Amino acid sequence: MSITAADFFVLEERLDAWGSPQVEVLDTERLASIVAAKEPDHSDLDVTLALMDLVRDDLQHSGTEGSGSGRIADADMRVGVHALERASDRAGYPFKLPFRDHSSWKSYWIRKGASGTGGWQARRDLLGDLFDQSYARLMAAQDRALDSTLVEAVSPRERLSWHEVDTATGELRRHFRTATTAQDYKAVGLDCVTITEALSRQVYDHARHTPVGEETPHEGKTKLRLDRYVVERLPGADNSELRKLARASIEMAEAVKHRRAPTRTEAGVAADAVILLANMLRRLDEE
C-alpha cells in the first residue's frame, strides 16, 4: 500500500474554532517512530517522498499564504524535518534542509533576499532549489524499484497449486518489491529459504526418496531432500545440470540470508532462482 503526506495526520477529538468535534493534527508519534526505525509496511524511499510532500507543502504555505506561520506548529515541524532526514538517510538519498521549522525558514528567506515585492514567487523558487532535484532523484529510484520485479515463469499457471509454496512466493515478491536496505535484502534471502523448505516438504516422500535403512532427513537438510527428489525424477548423467541448478538455487538463498550486506542484485538473483526452482519441481511433479 502506498503512503502519502495525508497519512501523517490523525483526527483528534476536540472542538476547533468552528465547533467541529474532530480536528486533524500531525501524528508526531508516528514521525518519532520513523526517526527511530524503518516503518514495517513502507520502504524508507516511499516514506521519504511522502514526508518531502508534507514538509514542502507546509513551508510553501507559510512562505506564500501564512506570513511565516505554517499549518503545522514549529515544534511539530521540527519532528517532521527530523523524520524526513532520517528516512532519507536510510533510503540512501540523504536530504538536509538549512532550517528546521517555519521560524528558521522565514529567517532563511530573509537572508536570501526573498522578502518584499515579488517575495512569494522568490520563496517558491527557493523551495524549488532545495527540493526539486532531490525529489526527482527519489522518484526515479522509486520507479526503478517498482520496475525491478522478479522473474515470471514460462509455465501457463499463475499459481503452482501448492498452497504453502504459493503463499511464500507471494510474500517473497511483496518483500522484494519494497526492499531498499541490506536488511530488507537479507529478509528476501530468508523468504527464499522458506520457499525451499516448503518445496522439500511438498515433494519429499520417505518411502521413495530415503535409502533403505536410513531415517528421513530433517527438514533443515533442504538441499539433500530436494537433491534426492530430483535424482529420483531425473536420474543419470544427462540430468546432472538440473541437479546442479537445484543445489545452486538453495545455496544462493542461504548465502543471501547470511551475507552481511547483500545487494538488491544478489537478493534478486536468489529470488529468481528459487522461483524457477519451484516451477521446475512443479513441472517434474506433473510428468
Protein backbone atom coordinates (compact mmCIF):
# COMPACT_ATOMS: atom_id res chain seq x y z
CA MET A 1 0.00 0.00 0.00
CA SER A 2 1.37 3.44 -0.93
CA ILE A 3 1.87 6.25 1.57
CA THR A 4 1.10 9.95 1.13
CA ALA A 5 1.50 13.16 3.14
CA ALA A 6 -2.11 12.85 4.30
CA ASP A 7 -1.26 9.62 6.11
CA PHE A 8 0.76 11.57 8.66
CA PHE A 9 -2.33 13.26 10.06
CA VAL A 10 -4.82 11.85 12.55
CA LEU A 11 -8.18 13.02 13.82
CA GLU A 12 -8.20 14.24 17.40
CA GLU A 13 -11.36 14.58 19.45
CA ARG A 14 -11.61 18.26 20.34
CA LEU A 15 -13.53 21.34 19.25
CA ASP A 16 -11.89 23.60 16.72
CA ALA A 17 -12.68 27.30 16.07
CA TRP A 18 -15.83 26.32 14.16
CA GLY A 19 -17.09 23.89 16.77
CA SER A 20 -16.11 20.75 14.89
CA PRO A 21 -15.69 17.78 17.28
CA GLN A 22 -12.69 16.41 15.38
CA VAL A 23 -9.51 18.21 14.44
CA GLU A 24 -6.85 16.90 12.04
CA VAL A 25 -3.43 17.04 13.71
CA LEU A 26 0.03 15.87 12.78
CA ASP A 27 0.79 12.36 14.03
CA THR A 28 4.02 13.22 15.86
CA GLU A 29 4.19 9.77 17.49
CA ARG A 30 4.41 8.15 14.07
CA LEU A 31 7.03 10.67 12.98
CA ALA A 32 9.07 9.98 16.11
CA SER A 33 8.94 6.25 15.35
CA ILE A 34 10.26 6.96 11.84
CA VAL A 35 13.18 8.80 13.40
CA ALA A 36 13.95 5.66 15.41
CA ALA A 37 13.42 2.96 12.78
CA LYS A 38 12.05 2.00 9.37
CA GLU A 39 8.28 1.67 9.11
CA PRO A 40 7.28 -2.01 8.90
CA ASP A 41 4.85 -1.62 5.99
CA HIS A 42 6.57 1.01 3.84
CA SER A 43 10.03 1.43 2.39
CA ASP A 44 12.16 4.37 3.55
CA LEU A 45 12.14 5.56 -0.05
CA ASP A 46 8.33 5.82 -0.11
CA VAL A 47 8.27 7.41 3.35
CA THR A 48 10.87 9.99 2.29
CA LEU A 49 8.81 11.06 -0.72
CA ALA A 50 5.66 11.39 1.38
CA LEU A 51 7.49 13.42 4.04
CA MET A 52 9.00 15.68 1.39
CA ASP A 53 5.49 16.45 0.18
CA LEU A 54 4.35 17.08 3.75
CA VAL A 55 7.21 19.40 4.69
CA ARG A 56 7.36 21.29 1.41
CA ASP A 57 3.60 21.92 1.27
CA ASP A 58 3.61 23.46 4.73
CA LEU A 59 6.73 25.51 4.09
CA GLN A 60 5.15 26.86 0.91
CA HIS A 61 2.01 27.72 2.86
CA SER A 62 3.97 29.69 5.45
CA GLY A 63 6.06 31.37 2.78
CA THR A 64 3.22 32.43 0.49
CA GLU A 65 -0.01 32.36 2.46
CA GLY A 66 0.73 32.17 6.16
CA SER A 67 3.03 35.16 6.61
CA GLY A 68 5.67 32.96 8.14
CA SER A 69 3.33 30.64 10.06
CA GLY A 70 2.51 27.17 8.83
CA ARG A 71 -0.46 24.95 9.47
CA ILE A 72 1.95 22.73 11.38
CA ALA A 73 3.36 24.20 14.60
CA ASP A 74 7.10 24.81 14.78
CA ALA A 75 7.69 22.08 17.37
CA ASP A 76 5.84 19.53 15.22
CA MET A 77 7.60 20.71 12.06
CA ARG A 78 10.97 20.04 13.70
CA VAL A 79 9.88 16.44 14.31
CA GLY A 80 8.74 16.18 10.69
CA VAL A 81 12.03 17.51 9.32
CA HIS A 82 13.98 15.14 11.56
CA ALA A 83 11.90 12.18 10.36
CA LEU A 84 12.46 13.23 6.74
CA GLU A 85 16.22 13.40 7.23
CA ARG A 86 16.38 10.03 9.00
CA ALA A 87 14.21 8.25 6.41
CA SER A 88 16.21 9.74 3.53
CA ASP A 89 19.48 8.63 5.15
CA ARG A 90 18.22 5.05 5.48
CA ALA A 91 16.92 5.11 1.90
CA GLY A 92 20.41 6.02 0.67
CA TYR A 93 19.44 9.51 -0.56
CA PRO A 94 20.37 11.90 2.29
CA PHE A 95 18.31 15.07 2.29
CA LYS A 96 19.07 18.07 4.53
CA LEU A 97 17.40 21.43 4.90
CA PRO A 98 19.25 24.57 6.06
CA PHE A 99 16.47 25.25 8.60
CA ARG A 100 14.30 23.23 10.99
CA ASP A 101 10.91 24.96 11.24
CA HIS A 102 8.84 27.89 9.99
CA SER A 103 10.64 30.50 12.08
CA SER A 104 14.06 29.49 10.77
CA TRP A 105 12.60 29.13 7.25
CA LYS A 106 11.50 32.79 7.45
CA SER A 107 14.96 33.84 8.61
CA TYR A 108 16.40 31.87 5.69
CA TRP A 109 14.29 33.56 3.03
CA ILE A 110 15.03 36.99 4.50
CA ARG A 111 18.77 36.30 4.27
CA LYS A 112 18.26 35.19 0.66
CA GLY A 113 16.52 38.46 -0.21
CA ALA A 114 13.11 36.87 -0.75
CA SER A 115 11.15 39.49 1.17
CA GLY A 116 9.03 42.37 -0.05
CA THR A 117 7.76 42.78 -3.61
CA GLY A 118 7.89 39.52 -5.52
CA GLY A 119 8.76 37.64 -2.36
CA TRP A 120 6.11 34.94 -2.72
CA GLN A 121 7.48 33.73 -6.04
CA ALA A 122 11.04 34.09 -4.80
CA ARG A 123 10.19 31.81 -1.85
CA ARG A 124 8.63 29.25 -4.17
CA ASP A 125 11.85 29.35 -6.20
CA LEU A 126 13.92 28.84 -3.05
CA LEU A 127 11.88 25.77 -2.17
CA GLY A 128 12.28 24.51 -5.73
CA ASP A 129 16.05 24.86 -5.44
CA LEU A 130 16.02 22.94 -2.16
CA PHE A 131 13.57 20.16 -3.08
CA ASP A 132 13.17 19.63 -6.82
CA GLN A 133 16.42 17.88 -7.73
CA SER A 134 16.32 15.53 -4.72
CA TYR A 135 12.64 14.80 -5.29
CA ALA A 136 13.29 13.88 -8.92
CA ARG A 137 16.11 11.52 -7.90
CA LEU A 138 13.87 9.83 -5.36
CA MET A 139 11.02 9.47 -7.86
CA ALA A 140 13.42 7.88 -10.36
CA ALA A 141 14.66 5.49 -7.65
CA GLN A 142 11.08 4.58 -6.78
CA ASP A 143 10.32 3.86 -10.44
CA ARG A 144 13.39 1.63 -10.67
CA ALA A 145 12.30 -0.25 -7.55
CA LEU A 146 8.81 -0.80 -8.95
CA ASP A 147 10.19 -1.89 -12.32
CA SER A 148 12.71 -4.25 -10.72
CA THR A 149 10.29 -7.13 -10.34
CA LEU A 150 11.10 -10.80 -10.14
CA VAL A 151 11.01 -13.35 -12.93
CA GLU A 152 7.75 -14.80 -14.18
CA ALA A 153 7.82 -18.48 -15.07
CA VAL A 154 7.02 -19.64 -18.60
CA SER A 155 4.52 -22.12 -17.16
CA PRO A 156 0.97 -21.10 -18.08
CA ARG A 157 -0.32 -21.27 -14.50
CA GLU A 158 -0.29 -18.21 -12.26
CA ARG A 159 -0.02 -20.37 -9.15
CA LEU A 160 1.54 -23.76 -8.53
CA SER A 161 -1.45 -25.05 -6.54
CA TRP A 162 0.95 -25.89 -3.71
CA HIS A 163 -0.59 -23.65 -1.09
CA GLU A 164 2.40 -23.27 1.21
CA VAL A 165 4.78 -22.60 -1.68
CA ASP A 166 2.38 -20.17 -3.37
CA THR A 167 1.89 -18.22 -0.14
CA ALA A 168 5.63 -17.99 0.50
CA THR A 169 6.29 -16.92 -3.10
CA GLY A 170 3.70 -14.17 -2.82
CA GLU A 171 5.43 -12.88 0.30
CA LEU A 172 8.79 -13.04 -1.47
CA ARG A 173 7.51 -10.94 -4.37
CA ARG A 174 5.93 -8.40 -1.99
CA HIS A 175 9.04 -8.05 0.15
CA PHE A 176 11.39 -7.73 -2.82
CA ARG A 177 9.21 -5.06 -4.42
CA THR A 178 9.51 -2.79 -1.36
CA ALA A 179 13.05 -3.74 -0.23
CA THR A 180 15.57 -0.89 -0.17
CA THR A 181 18.15 -1.74 2.51
CA ALA A 182 20.65 -4.52 3.15
CA GLN A 183 18.47 -5.75 6.00
CA ASP A 184 15.49 -5.90 3.63
CA TYR A 185 17.55 -7.98 1.19
CA LYS A 186 18.61 -10.36 3.98
CA ALA A 187 14.89 -10.81 4.66
CA VAL A 188 14.39 -11.65 0.98
CA GLY A 189 17.04 -14.36 1.42
CA LEU A 190 15.07 -15.70 4.38
CA ASP A 191 11.97 -15.80 2.17
CA CYS A 192 13.96 -17.84 -0.36
CA VAL A 193 14.92 -20.34 2.32
CA THR A 194 11.30 -20.54 3.43
CA ILE A 195 10.29 -21.48 -0.12
CA THR A 196 12.95 -24.19 -0.45
CA GLU A 197 11.86 -25.68 2.87
CA ALA A 198 8.23 -25.63 1.75
CA LEU A 199 9.25 -27.31 -1.52
CA SER A 200 11.07 -30.09 0.30
CA ARG A 201 8.01 -30.75 2.46
CA GLN A 202 5.87 -30.83 -0.66
CA VAL A 203 7.92 -33.21 -2.81
CA TYR A 204 9.94 -35.38 -0.42
CA ASP A 205 8.47 -38.81 0.24
CA HIS A 206 10.21 -41.06 2.75
CA ALA A 207 9.25 -44.30 1.03
CA ARG A 208 10.56 -43.17 -2.36
CA HIS A 209 13.47 -40.90 -1.52
CA THR A 210 15.10 -42.24 1.67
CA PRO A 211 17.62 -45.06 1.15
CA VAL A 212 16.72 -48.32 2.87
CA GLY A 213 17.85 -48.38 6.47
CA GLU A 214 18.16 -44.59 6.85
CA GLU A 215 15.94 -42.21 8.76
CA THR A 216 14.10 -39.42 6.98
CA PRO A 217 16.41 -36.39 6.73
CA HIS A 218 15.45 -33.48 8.97
CA GLU A 219 13.58 -30.66 7.20
CA GLY A 220 16.62 -28.44 7.72
CA LYS A 221 18.56 -30.62 5.28
CA THR A 222 16.75 -28.99 2.39
CA LYS A 223 19.48 -29.45 -0.19
CA LEU A 224 19.75 -33.19 0.50
CA ARG A 225 15.99 -33.74 0.40
CA LEU A 226 15.48 -31.79 -2.84
CA ASP A 227 18.53 -33.38 -4.43
CA ARG A 228 17.17 -36.85 -3.72
CA TYR A 229 13.83 -35.88 -5.23
CA VAL A 230 15.46 -34.52 -8.39
CA VAL A 231 17.71 -37.61 -8.68
CA GLU A 232 14.65 -39.85 -8.42
CA ARG A 233 12.74 -37.85 -11.04
CA LEU A 234 15.74 -37.13 -13.30
CA PRO A 235 18.32 -39.88 -12.83
CA GLY A 236 21.53 -40.31 -14.76
CA ALA A 237 24.35 -38.21 -16.15
CA ASP A 238 22.12 -36.49 -18.71
CA ASN A 239 20.25 -34.68 -15.95
CA SER A 240 23.27 -33.60 -13.93
CA GLU A 241 22.79 -29.94 -14.90
CA LEU A 242 19.28 -29.85 -13.50
CA ARG A 243 20.52 -31.28 -10.24
CA LYS A 244 23.22 -28.60 -10.15
CA LEU A 245 20.54 -25.94 -10.71
CA ALA A 246 18.58 -27.15 -7.70
CA ARG A 247 21.68 -27.17 -5.48
CA ALA A 248 22.83 -23.75 -6.67
CA SER A 249 19.39 -22.20 -6.02
CA ILE A 250 19.37 -23.44 -2.44
CA GLU A 251 22.96 -22.33 -1.81
CA MET A 252 22.28 -18.85 -3.23
CA ALA A 253 19.29 -18.41 -0.94
CA GLU A 254 21.36 -19.42 2.09
CA ALA A 255 24.20 -17.10 1.04
CA VAL A 256 21.96 -14.03 0.79
CA LYS A 257 20.36 -14.75 4.15
CA HIS A 258 23.75 -14.93 5.87
CA ARG A 259 25.59 -12.26 3.88
CA ARG A 260 26.42 -9.21 5.96
CA ALA A 261 25.22 -6.61 3.45
CA PRO A 262 23.54 -8.23 0.42
CA THR A 263 22.70 -6.05 -2.57
CA ARG A 264 19.44 -5.83 -4.48
CA THR A 265 21.08 -7.69 -7.36
CA GLU A 266 22.16 -10.58 -5.12
CA ALA A 267 18.75 -10.81 -3.49
CA GLY A 268 17.01 -10.62 -6.87
CA VAL A 269 19.14 -13.38 -8.39
CA ALA A 270 18.46 -15.63 -5.40
CA ALA A 271 14.73 -14.92 -5.57
CA ASP A 272 14.57 -15.52 -9.33
CA ALA A 273 16.45 -18.81 -8.90
CA VAL A 274 14.11 -20.05 -6.18
CA ILE A 275 11.01 -19.15 -8.18
CA LEU A 276 12.37 -21.03 -11.18
CA LEU A 277 13.29 -23.98 -8.94
CA ALA A 278 9.71 -24.11 -7.64
CA ASN A 279 8.33 -24.14 -11.17
CA MET A 280 10.83 -26.78 -12.27
CA LEU A 281 9.85 -29.09 -9.41
CA ARG A 282 6.16 -28.50 -10.13
CA ARG A 283 6.74 -29.48 -13.75
CA LEU A 284 8.56 -32.64 -12.67
CA ASP A 285 5.71 -33.49 -10.31
CA GLU A 286 3.25 -33.41 -13.22
CA GLU A 287 5.22 -35.65 -15.58
